[in-house]
Structure formats: structure tokens, C-alpha cells
Amino acid sequence: KKPDFREVGSKLKVKAVLRGSCRKSSQKLHVSLQLIDTTDGS
């Protein structure tokens, strides 16, 4: 739930991380997404 993006980038050797959240009801889907730079967290 609270990942260290720099650690993720270092361990997986990736430059970006896609994180998000979603909530599904019977008729609708709510999704929030962020693409974060693992070098500086921007």
C-alpha cells in the first residue's frame, strides 16, 4: 500500500511505476492511476 518507488525501481530495474486504485459497483467502474518516475519520485 505504501511502496518505496525508488526501491521498486532499483530492485526491478525499471524507470517508471504504474500504480492505481479502483472501485467497482454494479454499473460503474472508478479508476485512478499514476505513472511515477522511480529515479526521483516525480
PDB file of all heavy atoms in Angstrom:
ATOM      1  N   LYS A   1       0.821  -1.214   0.000  1.00  0.00           N
ATOM      2  CA  LYS A   1       0.000   0.000   0.000  1.00  0.00           C
ATOM      3  C   LYS A   1       0.854   1.263   0.000  1.00  0.00           C
ATOM      4  O   LYS A   1       0.427   2.309  -0.479  1.00  0.00           O
ATOM      5  CB  LYS A   1      -0.938  -0.004   1.208  1.00  0.00           C
ATOM      6  CG  LYS A   1      -2.064  -1.027   1.092  1.00  0.00           C
ATOM      7  CD  LYS A   1      -3.113  -0.824   2.165  1.00  0.00           C
ATOM      8  CE  LYS A   1      -4.290  -1.767   1.950  1.00  0.00           C
ATOM      9  NZ  LYS A   1      -5.359  -1.564   2.958  1.00  0.00           N
ATOM     10  N   LYS A   2       2.052   1.185   0.574  1.00  0.00           N
ATOM     11  CA  LYS A   2       2.945   2.342   0.584  1.00  0.00           C
ATOM     12  C   LYS A   2       4.317   1.923   0.058  1.00  0.00           C
ATOM     13  O   LYS A   2       5.295   1.870   0.800  1.00  0.00           O
ATOM     14  CB  LYS A   2       3.061   2.910   1.997  1.00  0.00           C
ATOM     15  CG  LYS A   2       1.778   3.517   2.528  1.00  0.00           C
ATOM     16  CD  LYS A   2       1.978   4.127   3.906  1.00  0.00           C
ATOM     17  CE  LYS A   2       0.690   4.763   4.426  1.00  0.00           C
ATOM     18  NZ  LYS A   2       0.858   5.353   5.779  1.00  0.00           N
ATOM     19  N   PRO A   3       4.403   1.627  -1.225  1.00  0.00           N
ATOM     20  CA  PRO A   3       5.675   1.157  -1.778  1.00  0.00           C
ATOM     21  C   PRO A   3       6.697   2.286  -1.867  1.00  0.00           C
ATOM     22  O   PRO A   3       6.353   3.458  -2.051  1.00  0.00           O
ATOM     23  CB  PRO A   3       5.287   0.659  -3.175  1.00  0.00           C
ATOM     24  CG  PRO A   3       4.088   1.477  -3.534  1.00  0.00           C
ATOM     25  CD  PRO A   3       3.345   1.701  -2.252  1.00  0.00           C
ATOM     26  N   ASP A   4       7.949   1.935  -1.701  1.00  0.00           N
ATOM     27  CA  ASP A   4       9.054   2.860  -1.924  1.00  0.00           C
ATOM     28  C   ASP A   4       9.409   2.770  -3.404  1.00  0.00           C
ATOM     29  O   ASP A   4      10.006   1.791  -3.846  1.00  0.00           O
ATOM     30  CB  ASP A   4      10.241   2.464  -1.047  1.00  0.00           C
ATOM     31  CG  ASP A   4      11.401   3.434  -1.165  1.00  0.00           C
ATOM     32  OD1 ASP A   4      11.591   4.019  -2.261  1.00  0.00           O
ATOM     33  OD2 ASP A   4      12.132   3.616  -0.174  1.00  0.00           O
ATOM     34  N   PHE A   5       9.046   3.789  -4.178  1.00  0.00           N
ATOM     35  CA  PHE A   5       9.193   3.705  -5.629  1.00  0.00           C
ATOM     36  C   PHE A   5      10.647   3.612  -6.071  1.00  0.00           C
ATOM     37  O   PHE A   5      10.966   2.959  -7.058  1.00  0.00           O
ATOM     38  CB  PHE A   5       8.490   4.894  -6.293  1.00  0.00           C
ATOM     39  CG  PHE A   5       7.023   4.952  -5.991  1.00  0.00           C
ATOM     40  CD1 PHE A   5       6.484   5.984  -5.238  1.00  0.00           C
ATOM     41  CD2 PHE A   5       6.179   3.950  -6.426  1.00  0.00           C
ATOM     42  CE1 PHE A   5       5.139   6.017  -4.941  1.00  0.00           C
ATOM     43  CE2 PHE A   5       4.832   3.972  -6.133  1.00  0.00           C
ATOM     44  CZ  PHE A   5       4.309   5.014  -5.393  1.00  0.00           C
ATOM     45  N   ARG A   6      11.523   4.265  -5.337  1.00  0.00           N
ATOM     46  CA  ARG A   6      12.946   4.164  -5.681  1.00  0.00           C
ATOM     47  C   ARG A   6      13.461   2.745  -5.443  1.00  0.00           C
ATOM     48  O   ARG A   6      14.255   2.227  -6.222  1.00  0.00           O
ATOM     49  CB  ARG A   6      13.740   5.174  -4.853  1.00  0.00           C
ATOM     50  CG  ARG A   6      13.416   6.627  -5.211  1.00  0.00           C
ATOM     51  CD  ARG A   6      14.300   7.604  -4.467  1.00  0.00           C
ATOM     52  NE  ARG A   6      13.960   8.985  -4.780  1.00  0.00           N
ATOM     53  CZ  ARG A   6      14.599  10.034  -4.292  1.00  0.00           C
ATOM     54  NH1 ARG A   6      15.623   9.866  -3.472  1.00  0.00           N
ATOM     55  NH2 ARG A   6      14.223  11.256  -4.630  1.00  0.00           N
ATOM     56  N   GLU A   7      12.992   2.128  -4.355  1.00  0.00           N
ATOM     57  CA  GLU A   7      13.387   0.743  -4.088  1.00  0.00           C
ATOM     58  C   GLU A   7      12.836  -0.192  -5.165  1.00  0.00           C
ATOM     59  O   GLU A   7      13.540  -1.087  -5.638  1.00  0.00           O
ATOM     60  CB  GLU A   7      12.879   0.311  -2.713  1.00  0.00           C
ATOM     61  CG  GLU A   7      13.264  -1.116  -2.354  1.00  0.00           C
ATOM     62  CD  GLU A   7      12.667  -1.574  -1.046  1.00  0.00           C
ATOM     63  OE1 GLU A   7      11.810  -0.851  -0.502  1.00  0.00           O
ATOM     64  OE2 GLU A   7      13.038  -2.662  -0.586  1.00  0.00           O
ATOM     65  N   VAL A   8      11.575   0.025  -5.542  1.00  0.00           N
ATOM     66  CA  VAL A   8      10.980  -0.780  -6.608  1.00  0.00           C
ATOM     67  C   VAL A   8      11.771  -0.623  -7.893  1.00  0.00           C
ATOM     68  O   VAL A   8      12.089  -1.604  -8.589  1.00  0.00           O
ATOM     69  CB  VAL A   8       9.504  -0.386  -6.836  1.00  0.00           C
ATOM     70  CG1 VAL A   8       8.954  -1.099  -8.071  1.00  0.00           C
ATOM     71  CG2 VAL A   8       8.658  -0.721  -5.619  1.00  0.00           C
ATOM     72  N   GLY A   9      12.115   0.632  -8.233  1.00  0.00           N
ATOM     73  CA  GLY A   9      12.877   0.874  -9.454  1.00  0.00           C
ATOM     74  C   GLY A   9      14.243   0.226  -9.419  1.00  0.00           C
ATOM     75  O   GLY A   9      14.711  -0.329 -10.413  1.00  0.00           O
ATOM     76  N   SER A  10      14.894   0.263  -8.240  1.00  0.00           N
ATOM     77  CA  SER A  10      16.227  -0.318  -8.101  1.00  0.00           C
ATOM     78  C   SER A  10      16.185  -1.837  -8.170  1.00  0.00           C
ATOM     79  O   SER A  10      16.992  -2.461  -8.872  1.00  0.00           O
ATOM     80  CB  SER A  10      16.845   0.122  -6.774  1.00  0.00           C
ATOM     81  OG  SER A  10      18.084  -0.519  -6.547  1.00  0.00           O
ATOM     82  N   LYS A  11      15.222  -2.458  -7.478  1.00  0.00           N
ATOM     83  CA  LYS A  11      15.163  -3.920  -7.438  1.00  0.00           C
ATOM     84  C   LYS A  11      14.686  -4.514  -8.759  1.00  0.00           C
ATOM     85  O   LYS A  11      15.165  -5.577  -9.171  1.00  0.00           O
ATOM     86  CB  LYS A  11      14.248  -4.370  -6.299  1.00  0.00           C
ATOM     87  CG  LYS A  11      14.861  -4.160  -4.916  1.00  0.00           C
ATOM     88  CD  LYS A  11      14.000  -4.789  -3.835  1.00  0.00           C
ATOM     89  CE  LYS A  11      14.692  -4.697  -2.481  1.00  0.00           C
ATOM     90  NZ  LYS A  11      13.900  -5.326  -1.397  1.00  0.00           N
ATOM     91  N   LEU A  12      13.737  -3.838  -9.416  1.00  0.00           N
ATOM     92  CA  LEU A  12      13.187  -4.382 -10.659  1.00  0.00           C
ATOM     93  C   LEU A  12      13.846  -3.785 -11.898  1.00  0.00           C
ATOM     94  O   LEU A  12      13.527  -4.181 -13.012  1.00  0.00           O
ATOM     95  CB  LEU A  12      11.674  -4.136 -10.707  1.00  0.00           C
ATOM     96  CG  LEU A  12      10.862  -4.747  -9.570  1.00  0.00           C
ATOM     97  CD1 LEU A  12       9.372  -4.513  -9.802  1.00  0.00           C
ATOM     98  CD2 LEU A  12      11.150  -6.226  -9.435  1.00  0.00           C
ATOM     99  N   LYS A  13      14.749  -2.822 -11.679  1.00  0.00           N
ATOM    100  CA  LYS A  13      15.473  -2.170 -12.782  1.00  0.00           C
ATOM    101  C   LYS A  13      14.500  -1.567 -13.800  1.00  0.00           C
ATOM    102  O   LYS A  13      14.627  -1.780 -15.008  1.00  0.00           O
ATOM    103  CB  LYS A  13      16.429  -3.156 -13.448  1.00  0.00           C
ATOM    104  CG  LYS A  13      17.557  -3.622 -12.538  1.00  0.00           C
ATOM    105  CD  LYS A  13      18.500  -4.579 -13.245  1.00  0.00           C
ATOM    106  CE  LYS A  13      19.692  -4.895 -12.378  1.00  0.00           C
ATOM    107  NZ  LYS A  13      19.353  -5.497 -11.090  1.00  0.00           N
ATOM    108  N   VAL A  14      13.549  -0.818 -13.271  1.00  0.00           N
ATOM    109  CA  VAL A  14      12.592  -0.120 -14.122  1.00  0.00           C
ATOM    110  C   VAL A  14      12.659   1.376 -13.828  1.00  0.00           C
ATOM    111  O   VAL A  14      12.987   1.791 -12.715  1.00  0.00           O
ATOM    112  CB  VAL A  14      11.144  -0.630 -13.913  1.00  0.00           C
ATOM    113  CG1 VAL A  14      11.015  -2.059 -14.387  1.00  0.00           C
ATOM    114  CG2 VAL A  14      10.716  -0.503 -12.451  1.00  0.00           C
ATOM    115  N   LYS A  15      12.316   2.165 -14.831  1.00  0.00           N
ATOM    116  CA  LYS A  15      12.399   3.614 -14.690  1.00  0.00           C
ATOM    117  C   LYS A  15      11.064   4.249 -14.332  1.00  0.00           C
ATOM    118  O   LYS A  15      11.016   5.436 -14.009  1.00  0.00           O
ATOM    119  CB  LYS A  15      12.921   4.227 -15.993  1.00  0.00           C
ATOM    120  CG  LYS A  15      14.327   3.777 -16.332  1.00  0.00           C
ATOM    121  CD  LYS A  15      14.790   4.398 -17.631  1.00  0.00           C
ATOM    122  CE  LYS A  15      16.208   3.946 -17.964  1.00  0.00           C
ATOM    123  NZ  LYS A  15      16.685   4.527 -19.239  1.00  0.00           N
ATOM    124  N   ALA A  16      10.004   3.473 -14.406  1.00  0.00           N
ATOM    125  CA  ALA A  16       8.685   4.011 -14.083  1.00  0.00           C
ATOM    126  C   ALA A  16       7.838   2.936 -13.417  1.00  0.00           C
ATOM    127  O   ALA A  16       8.045   1.735 -13.633  1.00  0.00           O
ATOM    128  CB  ALA A  16       7.994   4.524 -15.338  1.00  0.00           C
ATOM    129  N   VAL A  17       6.890   3.395 -12.603  1.00  0.00           N
ATOM    130  CA  VAL A  17       5.963   2.508 -11.911  1.00  0.00           C
ATOM    131  C   VAL A  17       4.544   3.017 -12.153  1.00  0.00           C
ATOM    132  O   VAL A  17       4.277   4.213 -12.005  1.00  0.00           O
ATOM    133  CB  VAL A  17       6.252   2.476 -10.397  1.00  0.00           C
ATOM    134  CG1 VAL A  17       5.074   1.912  -9.638  1.00  0.00           C
ATOM    135  CG2 VAL A  17       7.485   1.646 -10.113  1.00  0.00           C
ATOM    136  N   LEU A  18       3.665   2.100 -12.546  1.00  0.00           N
ATOM    137  CA  LEU A  18       2.248   2.433 -12.686  1.00  0.00           C
ATOM    138  C   LEU A  18       1.518   1.912 -11.457  1.00  0.00           C
ATOM    139  O   LEU A  18       1.519   0.720 -11.192  1.00  0.00           O
ATOM    140  CB  LEU A  18       1.657   1.812 -13.952  1.00  0.00           C
ATOM    141  CG  LEU A  18       0.170   2.112 -14.202  1.00  0.00           C
ATOM    142  CD1 LEU A  18      -0.027   3.587 -14.528  1.00  0.00           C
ATOM    143  CD2 LEU A  18      -0.378   1.247 -15.336  1.00  0.00           C
ATOM    144  N   ARG A  19       0.940   2.825 -10.696  1.00  0.00           N
ATOM    145  CA  ARG A  19       0.160   2.438  -9.519  1.00  0.00           C
ATOM    146  C   ARG A  19      -1.249   2.977  -9.685  1.00  0.00           C
ATOM    147  O   ARG A  19      -1.506   3.883 -10.488  1.00  0.00           O
ATOM    148  CB  ARG A  19       0.779   3.006  -8.244  1.00  0.00           C
ATOM    149  CG  ARG A  19       0.710   4.530  -8.178  1.00  0.00           C
ATOM    150  CD  ARG A  19       1.100   5.071  -6.826  1.00  0.00           C
ATOM    151  NE  ARG A  19       0.239   4.556  -5.782  1.00  0.00           N
ATOM    152  CZ  ARG A  19       0.267   5.006  -4.521  1.00  0.00           C
ATOM    153  NH1 ARG A  19       1.106   5.974  -4.179  1.00  0.00           N
ATOM    154  NH2 ARG A  19      -0.535   4.494  -3.621  1.00  0.00           N
ATOM    155  N   GLY A  20      -2.191   2.419  -8.939  1.00  0.00           N
ATOM    156  CA  GLY A  20      -3.548   2.904  -9.087  1.00  0.00           C
ATOM    157  C   GLY A  20      -4.485   2.328  -8.051  1.00  0.00           C
ATOM    158  O   GLY A  20      -4.094   1.544  -7.175  1.00  0.00           O
ATOM    159  N   SER A  21      -5.722   2.723  -8.142  1.00  0.00           N
ATOM    160  CA  SER A  21      -6.774   2.218  -7.271  1.00  0.00           C
ATOM    161  C   SER A  21      -8.046   2.126  -8.085  1.00  0.00           C
ATOM    162  O   SER A  21      -8.194   2.803  -9.114  1.00  0.00           O
ATOM    163  CB  SER A  21      -6.978   3.149  -6.067  1.00  0.00           C
ATOM    164  OG  SER A  21      -7.362   4.448  -6.503  1.00  0.00           O
ATOM    165  N   CYS A  22      -8.959   1.261  -7.671  1.00  0.00           N
ATOM    166  CA  CYS A  22     -10.223   1.159  -8.392  1.00  0.00           C
ATOM    167  C   CYS A  22     -11.338   0.754  -7.445  1.00  0.00           C
ATOM    168  O   CYS A  22     -11.109   0.157  -6.384  1.00  0.00           O
ATOM    169  CB  CYS A  22     -10.115   0.195  -9.576  1.00  0.00           C
ATOM    170  SG  CYS A  22      -9.644  -1.477  -9.175  1.00  0.00           S
ATOM    171  N   ARG A  23     -12.525   1.113  -7.847  1.00  0.00           N
ATOM    172  CA  ARG A  23     -13.726   0.779  -7.094  1.00  0.00           C
ATOM    173  C   ARG A  23     -14.805   0.407  -8.093  1.00  0.00           C
ATOM    174  O   ARG A  23     -15.097   1.163  -9.020  1.00  0.00           O
ATOM    175  CB  ARG A  23     -14.172   1.969  -6.241  1.00  0.00           C
ATOM    176  CG  ARG A  23     -15.367   1.669  -5.345  1.00  0.00           C
ATOM    177  CD  ARG A  23     -15.705   2.828  -4.417  1.00  0.00           C
ATOM    178  NE  ARG A  23     -16.240   3.980  -5.129  1.00  0.00           N
ATOM    179  CZ  ARG A  23     -15.562   5.087  -5.407  1.00  0.00           C
ATOM    180  NH1 ARG A  23     -14.284   5.188  -5.044  1.00  0.00           N
ATOM    181  NH2 ARG A  23     -16.123   6.098  -6.041  1.00  0.00           N
ATOM    182  N   LYS A  24     -15.377  -0.770  -7.917  1.00  0.00           N
ATOM    183  CA  LYS A  24     -16.362  -1.281  -8.863  1.00  0.00           C
ATOM    184  C   LYS A  24     -17.715  -1.382  -8.193  1.00  0.00           C
ATOM    185  O   LYS A  24     -17.844  -1.924  -7.089  1.00  0.00           O
ATOM    186  CB  LYS A  24     -15.930  -2.653  -9.392  1.00  0.00           C
ATOM    187  CG  LYS A  24     -16.901  -3.291 -10.368  1.00  0.00           C
ATOM    188  CD  LYS A  24     -16.345  -4.601 -10.905  1.00  0.00           C
ATOM    189  CE  LYS A  24     -16.342  -5.697  -9.866  1.00  0.00           C
ATOM    190  NZ  LYS A  24     -17.728  -6.166  -9.538  1.00  0.00           N
ATOM    191  N   SER A  25     -18.729  -0.847  -8.852  1.00  0.00           N
ATOM    192  CA  SER A  25     -20.097  -1.024  -8.400  1.00  0.00           C
ATOM    193  C   SER A  25     -20.806  -1.912  -9.416  1.00  0.00           C
ATOM    194  O   SER A  25     -20.174  -2.458 -10.331  1.00  0.00           O
ATOM    195  CB  SER A  25     -20.799   0.329  -8.270  1.00  0.00           C
ATOM    196  OG  SER A  25     -20.918   0.948  -9.542  1.00  0.00           O
ATOM    197  N   SER A  26     -22.089  -2.054  -9.288  1.00  0.00           N
ATOM    198  CA  SER A  26     -22.825  -2.921 -10.198  1.00  0.00           C
ATOM    199  C   SER A  26     -22.865  -2.365 -11.623  1.00  0.00           C
ATOM    200  O   SER A  26     -23.001  -3.131 -12.578  1.00  0.00           O
ATOM    201  CB  SER A  26     -24.253  -3.124  -9.691  1.00  0.00           C
ATOM    202  OG  SER A  26     -24.925  -1.867  -9.590  1.00  0.00           O
ATOM    203  N   GLN A  27     -22.723  -1.058 -11.749  1.00  0.00           N
ATOM    204  CA  GLN A  27     -22.846  -0.445 -13.075  1.00  0.00           C
ATOM    205  C   GLN A  27     -21.635   0.380 -13.497  1.00  0.00           C
ATOM    206  O   GLN A  27     -21.434   0.611 -14.678  1.00  0.00           O
ATOM    207  CB  GLN A  27     -24.087   0.463 -13.114  1.00  0.00           C
ATOM    208  CG  GLN A  27     -25.401  -0.249 -12.861  1.00  0.00           C
ATOM    209  CD  GLN A  27     -25.721  -1.271 -13.928  1.00  0.00           C
ATOM    210  OE1 GLN A  27     -25.345  -1.118 -15.095  1.00  0.00           O
ATOM    211  NE2 GLN A  27     -26.432  -2.340 -13.543  1.00  0.00           N
ATOM    212  N   LYS A  28     -20.828   0.852 -12.544  1.00  0.00           N
ATOM    213  CA  LYS A  28     -19.738   1.770 -12.869  1.00  0.00           C
ATOM    214  C   LYS A  28     -18.403   1.278 -12.348  1.00  0.00           C
ATOM    215  O   LYS A  28     -18.330   0.496 -11.392  1.00  0.00           O
ATOM    216  CB  LYS A  28     -20.032   3.167 -12.311  1.00  0.00           C
ATOM    217  CG  LYS A  28     -21.072   3.941 -13.104  1.00  0.00           C
ATOM    218  CD  LYS A  28     -21.138   5.387 -12.647  1.00  0.00           C
ATOM    219  CE  LYS A  28     -22.102   6.193 -13.515  1.00  0.00           C
ATOM    220  NZ  LYS A  28     -21.602   6.331 -14.895  1.00  0.00           N
ATOM    221  N   LEU A  29     -17.366   1.801 -12.978  1.00  0.00           N
ATOM    222  CA  LEU A  29     -16.000   1.492 -12.578  1.00  0.00           C
ATOM    223  C   LEU A  29     -15.244   2.805 -12.414  1.00  0.00           C
ATOM    224  O   LEU A  29     -15.192   3.622 -13.334  1.00  0.00           O
ATOM    225  CB  LEU A  29     -15.315   0.612 -13.630  1.00  0.00           C
ATOM    226  CG  LEU A  29     -13.864   0.217 -13.361  1.00  0.00           C
ATOM    227  CD1 LEU A  29     -13.763  -0.610 -12.082  1.00  0.00           C
ATOM    228  CD2 LEU A  29     -13.300  -0.574 -14.545  1.00  0.00           C
ATOM    229  N   HIS A  30     -14.672   3.011 -11.232  1.00  0.00           N
ATOM    230  CA  HIS A  30     -13.892   4.213 -10.935  1.00  0.00           C
ATOM    231  C   HIS A  30     -12.425   3.796 -10.820  1.00  0.00           C
ATOM    232  O   HIS A  30     -12.084   2.935  -9.998  1.00  0.00           O
ATOM    233  CB  HIS A  30     -14.352   4.860  -9.635  1.00  0.00           C
ATOM    234  CG  HIS A  30     -15.816   5.173  -9.604  1.00  0.00           C
ATOM    235  ND1 HIS A  30     -16.321   6.411  -9.921  1.00  0.00           N
ATOM    236  CD2 HIS A  30     -16.882   4.392  -9.300  1.00  0.00           C
ATOM    237  CE1 HIS A  30     -17.640   6.389  -9.801  1.00  0.00           C
ATOM    238  NE2 HIS A  30     -18.013   5.172  -9.429  1.00  0.00           N
ATOM    239  N   VAL A  31     -11.557   4.421 -11.605  1.00  0.00           N
ATOM    240  CA  VAL A  31     -10.139   4.064 -11.610  1.00  0.00           C
ATOM    241  C   VAL A  31      -9.307   5.334 -11.518  1.00  0.00           C
ATOM    242  O   VAL A  31      -9.585   6.326 -12.214  1.00  0.00           O
ATOM    243  CB  VAL A  31      -9.751   3.290 -12.892  1.00  0.00           C
ATOM    244  CG1 VAL A  31      -8.262   2.939 -12.878  1.00  0.00           C
ATOM    245  CG2 VAL A  31     -10.587   2.026 -13.020  1.00  0.00           C
ATOM    246  N   SER A  32      -8.291   5.309 -10.677  1.00  0.00           N
ATOM    247  CA  SER A  32      -7.339   6.414 -10.560  1.00  0.00           C
ATOM    248  C   SER A  32      -5.935   5.852 -10.757  1.00  0.00           C
ATOM    249  O   SER A  32      -5.557   4.870 -10.100  1.00  0.00           O
ATOM    250  CB  SER A  32      -7.453   7.069  -9.183  1.00  0.00           C
ATOM    251  OG  SER A  32      -6.503   8.093  -9.041  1.00  0.00           O
ATOM    252  N   LEU A  33      -5.159   6.454 -11.647  1.00  0.00           N
ATOM    253  CA  LEU A  33      -3.835   5.922 -11.993  1.00  0.00           C
ATOM    254  C   LEU A  33      -2.769   7.006 -11.928  1.00  0.00           C
ATOM    255  O   LEU A  33      -3.039   8.186 -12.187  1.00  0.00           O
ATOM    256  CB  LEU A  33      -3.847   5.323 -13.397  1.00  0.00           C
ATOM    257  CG  LEU A  33      -4.756   4.113 -13.627  1.00  0.00           C
ATOM    258  CD1 LEU A  33      -4.726   3.719 -15.093  1.00  0.00           C
ATOM    259  CD2 LEU A  33      -4.343   2.948 -12.748  1.00  0.00           C
ATOM    260  N   GLN A  34      -1.555   6.578 -11.602  1.00  0.00           N
ATOM    261  CA  GLN A  34      -0.391   7.467 -11.597  1.00  0.00           C
ATOM    262  C   GLN A  34       0.807   6.726 -12.176  1.00  0.00           C
ATOM    263  O   GLN A  34       1.046   5.561 -11.831  1.00  0.00           O
ATOM    264  CB  GLN A  34      -0.058   7.918 -10.174  1.00  0.00           C
ATOM    265  CG  GLN A  34      -1.102   8.807  -9.527  1.00  0.00           C
ATOM    266  CD  GLN A  34      -0.721   9.167  -8.108  1.00  0.00           C
ATOM    267  OE1 GLN A  34      -0.162   8.351  -7.382  1.00  0.00           O
ATOM    268  NE2 GLN A  34      -1.012  10.397  -7.711  1.00  0.00           N
ATOM    269  N   LEU A  35       1.545   7.393 -13.028  1.00  0.00           N
ATOM    270  CA  LEU A  35       2.801   6.869 -13.560  1.00  0.00           C
ATOM    271  C   LEU A  35       3.923   7.670 -12.921  1.00  0.00           C
ATOM    272  O   LEU A  35       4.032   8.887 -13.134  1.00  0.00           O
ATOM    273  CB  LEU A  35       2.843   6.985 -15.081  1.00  0.00           C
ATOM    274  CG  LEU A  35       4.031   6.312 -15.779  1.00  0.00           C
ATOM    275  CD1 LEU A  35       3.950   4.790 -15.635  1.00  0.00           C
ATOM    276  CD2 LEU A  35       4.092   6.690 -17.259  1.00  0.00           C
ATOM    277  N   ILE A  36       4.755   7.001 -12.129  1.00  0.00           N
ATOM    278  CA  ILE A  36       5.741   7.675 -11.289  1.00  0.00           C
ATOM    279  C   ILE A  36       7.151   7.321 -11.743  1.00  0.00           C
ATOM    280  O   ILE A  36       7.467   6.158 -12.013  1.00  0.00           O
ATOM    281  CB  ILE A  36       5.544   7.281  -9.820  1.00  0.00           C
ATOM    282  CG1 ILE A  36       4.140   7.722  -9.369  1.00  0.00           C
ATOM    283  CG2 ILE A  36       6.608   7.888  -8.928  1.00  0.00           C
ATOM    284  CD1 ILE A  36       3.747   7.191  -8.023  1.00  0.00           C
ATOM    285  N   ASP A  37       8.009   8.342 -11.816  1.00  0.00           N
ATOM    286  CA  ASP A  37       9.417   8.161 -12.158  1.00  0.00           C
ATOM    287  C   ASP A  37      10.147   7.591 -10.944  1.00  0.00           C
ATOM    288  O   ASP A  37      10.080   8.160  -9.853  1.00  0.00           O
ATOM    289  CB  ASP A  37      10.029   9.499 -12.568  1.00  0.00           C
ATOM    290  CG  ASP A  37      11.383   9.326 -13.245  1.00  0.00           C
ATOM    291  OD1 ASP A  37      12.262   8.663 -12.648  1.00  0.00           O
ATOM    292  OD2 ASP A  37      11.576   9.844 -14.353  1.00  0.00           O
ATOM    293  N   THR A  38      10.845   6.481 -11.114  1.00  0.00           N
ATOM    294  CA  THR A  38      11.493   5.824  -9.976  1.00  0.00           C
ATOM    295  C   THR A  38      12.826   6.460  -9.602  1.00  0.00           C
ATOM    296  O   THR A  38      13.378   6.134  -8.554  1.00  0.00           O
ATOM    297  CB  THR A  38      11.731   4.328 -10.277  1.00  0.00           C
ATOM    298  OG1 THR A  38      12.529   4.197 -11.451  1.00  0.00           O
ATOM    299  CG2 THR A  38      10.407   3.604 -10.461  1.00  0.00           C
ATOM    300  N   THR A  39      13.345   7.344 -10.448  1.00  0.00           N
ATOM    301  CA  THR A  39      14.630   7.974 -10.116  1.00  0.00           C
ATOM    302  C   THR A  39      14.469   9.065  -9.070  1.00  0.00           C
ATOM    303  O   THR A  39      15.313   9.233  -8.191  1.00  0.00           O
ATOM    304  CB  THR A  39      15.290   8.552 -11.376  1.00  0.00           C
ATOM    305  OG1 THR A  39      14.395   9.507 -11.981  1.00  0.00           O
ATOM    306  CG2 THR A  39      15.606   7.444 -12.368  1.00  0.00           C
ATOM    307  N   ASP A  40      13.377   9.829  -9.160  1.00  0.00           N
ATOM    308  CA  ASP A  40      13.184  10.935  -8.216  1.00  0.00           C
ATOM    309  C   ASP A  40      11.784  11.004  -7.620  1.00  0.00           C
ATOM    310  O   ASP A  40      11.473  11.906  -6.836  1.00  0.00           O
ATOM    311  CB  ASP A  40      13.505  12.275  -8.898  1.00  0.00           C
ATOM    312  CG  ASP A  40      12.667  12.505 -10.158  1.00  0.00           C
ATOM    313  OD1 ASP A  40      11.718  11.717 -10.397  1.00  0.00           O
ATOM    314  OD2 ASP A  40      12.960  13.448 -10.910  1.00  0.00           O
ATOM    315  N   GLY A  41      10.917  10.038  -7.978  1.00  0.00           N
ATOM    316  CA  GLY A  41       9.576  10.018  -7.422  1.00  0.00           C
ATOM    317  C   GLY A  41       8.620  11.025  -8.029  1.00  0.00           C
ATOM    318  O   GLY A  41       7.511  11.218  -7.518  1.00  0.00           O
ATOM    319  N   SER A  42       9.037  11.666  -9.114  1.00  0.00           N
ATOM    320  CA  SER A  42       8.180  12.674  -9.736  1.00  0.00           C
ATOM    321  C   SER A  42       7.047  12.015 -10.520  1.00  0.00           C
ATOM    322  O   SER A  42       7.137  10.846 -10.918  1.00  0.00           O
ATOM    323  CB  SER A  42       8.994  13.571 -10.670  1.00  0.00           C
ATOM    324  OG  SER A  42       9.561  12.815 -11.718  1.00  0.00           O
TER     325      SER A  42
END
